[in-house]
C-alpha cells in the first residue's frame, strides 16, 4: 500500500524530465543559456507541454 501524496506525473514523464535536466540546453535547441536553472528547466518543460504551469 502506497502512502503519501499521489503521483502527479507518470514514471515516463519523470524519466524524460531527468534526461533533459542532465543534458545541455543546446541539446534541445535552447541557445540563450548554457546550463539549466530550475526556473529555466520548468519553463522549457511547460513550453514543450511535458508539465503544467
N, C-alpha and C. Protein backbone atom coordinates (compact mmCIF):
# COMPACT_ATOMS: atom_id res chain seq x y z
N UNK A 1 0.84 -1.18 0.00
CA UNK A 1 0.00 0.00 0.00
C UNK A 1 0.88 1.24 0.00
N UNK A 2 0.64 2.13 -0.96
CA UNK A 2 1.43 3.37 -1.05
C UNK A 2 0.86 4.42 -0.11
N UNK A 3 1.76 5.17 0.48
CA UNK A 3 1.35 6.25 1.38
C UNK A 3 1.80 7.58 0.81
N UNK A 4 1.26 8.64 1.36
CA UNK A 4 1.66 9.97 0.93
C UNK A 4 0.80 10.48 -0.21
N UNK A 5 1.27 11.57 -0.74
CA UNK A 5 0.53 12.22 -1.84
C UNK A 5 0.60 11.36 -3.10
N UNK A 6 -0.49 11.28 -3.85
CA UNK A 6 -0.46 10.52 -5.11
C UNK A 6 0.48 11.18 -6.13
N UNK A 7 1.00 10.37 -7.02
CA UNK A 7 1.89 10.88 -8.06
C UNK A 7 1.14 11.87 -8.94
N UNK A 8 1.85 12.94 -9.33
CA UNK A 8 1.23 13.92 -10.23
C UNK A 8 1.75 13.77 -11.64
N UNK A 9 2.87 13.06 -11.81
CA UNK A 9 3.39 12.77 -13.14
C UNK A 9 3.72 11.29 -13.22
N UNK A 10 3.71 10.76 -14.41
CA UNK A 10 4.00 9.33 -14.60
C UNK A 10 5.51 9.09 -14.52
N UNK A 11 5.88 7.84 -14.37
CA UNK A 11 7.30 7.48 -14.35
C UNK A 11 7.96 7.84 -15.69
N UNK A 12 7.23 7.68 -16.79
CA UNK A 12 7.77 8.00 -18.11
C UNK A 12 8.10 9.49 -18.21
N UNK A 13 7.19 10.34 -17.76
CA UNK A 13 7.42 11.78 -17.80
C UNK A 13 8.58 12.14 -16.88
N UNK A 14 8.64 11.54 -15.70
CA UNK A 14 9.74 11.81 -14.77
C UNK A 14 11.09 11.45 -15.40
N UNK A 15 11.15 10.32 -16.07
CA UNK A 15 12.39 9.91 -16.74
C UNK A 15 12.79 10.92 -17.81
N UNK A 16 11.82 11.42 -18.56
CA UNK A 16 12.10 12.40 -19.62
C UNK A 16 12.61 13.71 -19.01
N UNK A 17 12.00 14.16 -17.93
CA UNK A 17 12.44 15.38 -17.25
C UNK A 17 13.88 15.21 -16.75
N UNK A 18 14.17 14.07 -16.17
CA UNK A 18 15.53 13.81 -15.68
C UNK A 18 16.54 13.80 -16.82
N UNK A 19 16.16 13.23 -17.95
CA UNK A 19 17.03 13.21 -19.12
C UNK A 19 17.36 14.63 -19.57
N UNK A 20 16.35 15.46 -19.68
CA UNK A 20 16.57 16.85 -20.10
C UNK A 20 17.45 17.57 -19.09
N UNK A 21 17.19 17.39 -17.81
CA UNK A 21 17.95 18.07 -16.77
C UNK A 21 19.44 17.70 -16.79
N UNK A 22 19.76 16.49 -17.23
CA UNK A 22 21.16 16.04 -17.26
C UNK A 22 21.90 16.44 -18.53
N UNK A 23 21.21 17.07 -19.47
CA UNK A 23 21.85 17.45 -20.73
C UNK A 23 21.96 18.96 -20.83
N UNK A 24 22.67 19.40 -21.84
CA UNK A 24 22.85 20.82 -22.09
C UNK A 24 21.60 21.39 -22.76
N UNK A 25 21.23 22.62 -22.44
CA UNK A 25 20.10 23.24 -23.16
C UNK A 25 20.31 23.24 -24.68
N UNK A 26 21.55 23.36 -25.12
CA UNK A 26 21.83 23.37 -26.56
C UNK A 26 21.40 22.06 -27.22
N UNK A 27 21.42 20.96 -26.46
CA UNK A 27 20.96 19.67 -27.00
C UNK A 27 19.48 19.71 -27.36
N UNK A 28 18.75 20.67 -26.80
CA UNK A 28 17.31 20.80 -27.01
C UNK A 28 16.99 22.07 -27.80
N UNK A 29 18.01 22.59 -28.49
CA UNK A 29 17.87 23.78 -29.34
C UNK A 29 17.55 25.05 -28.54
N UNK A 30 17.99 25.09 -27.29
CA UNK A 30 17.87 26.28 -26.45
C UNK A 30 19.26 26.87 -26.35
N UNK A 31 19.46 28.05 -26.94
CA UNK A 31 20.80 28.62 -27.01
C UNK A 31 20.97 29.89 -26.17
N UNK A 32 19.95 30.32 -25.48
CA UNK A 32 20.01 31.56 -24.71
C UNK A 32 20.86 31.43 -23.44
N UNK A 33 21.13 30.20 -22.99
CA UNK A 33 21.93 29.98 -21.79
C UNK A 33 22.62 28.63 -21.91
N UNK A 34 23.66 28.41 -21.10
CA UNK A 34 24.48 27.20 -21.28
C UNK A 34 24.15 26.08 -20.29
N UNK A 35 23.50 26.40 -19.18
CA UNK A 35 23.11 25.38 -18.22
C UNK A 35 21.68 25.63 -17.76
N UNK A 36 21.03 24.58 -17.31
CA UNK A 36 19.66 24.70 -16.82
C UNK A 36 19.66 25.26 -15.40
N UNK A 37 18.81 26.21 -15.14
CA UNK A 37 18.43 26.55 -13.77
C UNK A 37 17.09 25.85 -13.57
N UNK A 38 16.65 25.75 -12.35
CA UNK A 38 15.37 25.10 -12.11
C UNK A 38 14.24 25.86 -12.80
N UNK A 39 14.31 27.19 -12.75
CA UNK A 39 13.27 28.01 -13.38
C UNK A 39 13.28 27.84 -14.90
N UNK A 40 14.47 27.84 -15.50
CA UNK A 40 14.56 27.69 -16.97
C UNK A 40 14.11 26.30 -17.40
N UNK A 41 14.49 25.28 -16.63
CA UNK A 41 14.05 23.92 -16.94
C UNK A 41 12.53 23.82 -16.87
N UNK A 42 11.95 24.37 -15.81
CA UNK A 42 10.49 24.34 -15.67
C UNK A 42 9.81 25.07 -16.82
N UNK A 43 10.34 26.23 -17.19
CA UNK A 43 9.78 27.00 -18.31
C UNK A 43 9.83 26.19 -19.60
N UNK A 44 10.96 25.54 -19.85
CA UNK A 44 11.12 24.72 -21.05
C UNK A 44 10.12 23.56 -21.05
N UNK A 45 9.97 22.89 -19.92
CA UNK A 45 9.06 21.75 -19.83
C UNK A 45 7.62 22.17 -20.07
N UNK A 46 7.23 23.34 -19.57
CA UNK A 46 5.87 23.83 -19.79
C UNK A 46 5.68 24.16 -21.27
N UNK A 47 6.67 24.84 -21.87
CA UNK A 47 6.56 25.19 -23.29
C UNK A 47 6.45 23.94 -24.16
N UNK A 48 7.16 22.88 -23.78
CA UNK A 48 7.13 21.64 -24.55
C UNK A 48 5.95 20.75 -24.16
N UNK A 49 5.13 21.23 -23.25
CA UNK A 49 3.93 20.54 -22.78
C UNK A 49 4.23 19.22 -22.06
N UNK A 50 5.38 19.13 -21.39
CA UNK A 50 5.69 17.97 -20.57
C UNK A 50 5.13 18.13 -19.18
N UNK A 51 4.91 19.40 -18.76
CA UNK A 51 4.37 19.70 -17.45
C UNK A 51 3.39 20.85 -17.54
N UNK A 52 2.53 20.93 -16.54
CA UNK A 52 1.62 22.07 -16.45
C UNK A 52 2.27 23.16 -15.63
N UNK A 53 1.90 24.44 -15.86
CA UNK A 53 2.46 25.53 -15.06
C UNK A 53 2.00 25.48 -13.62
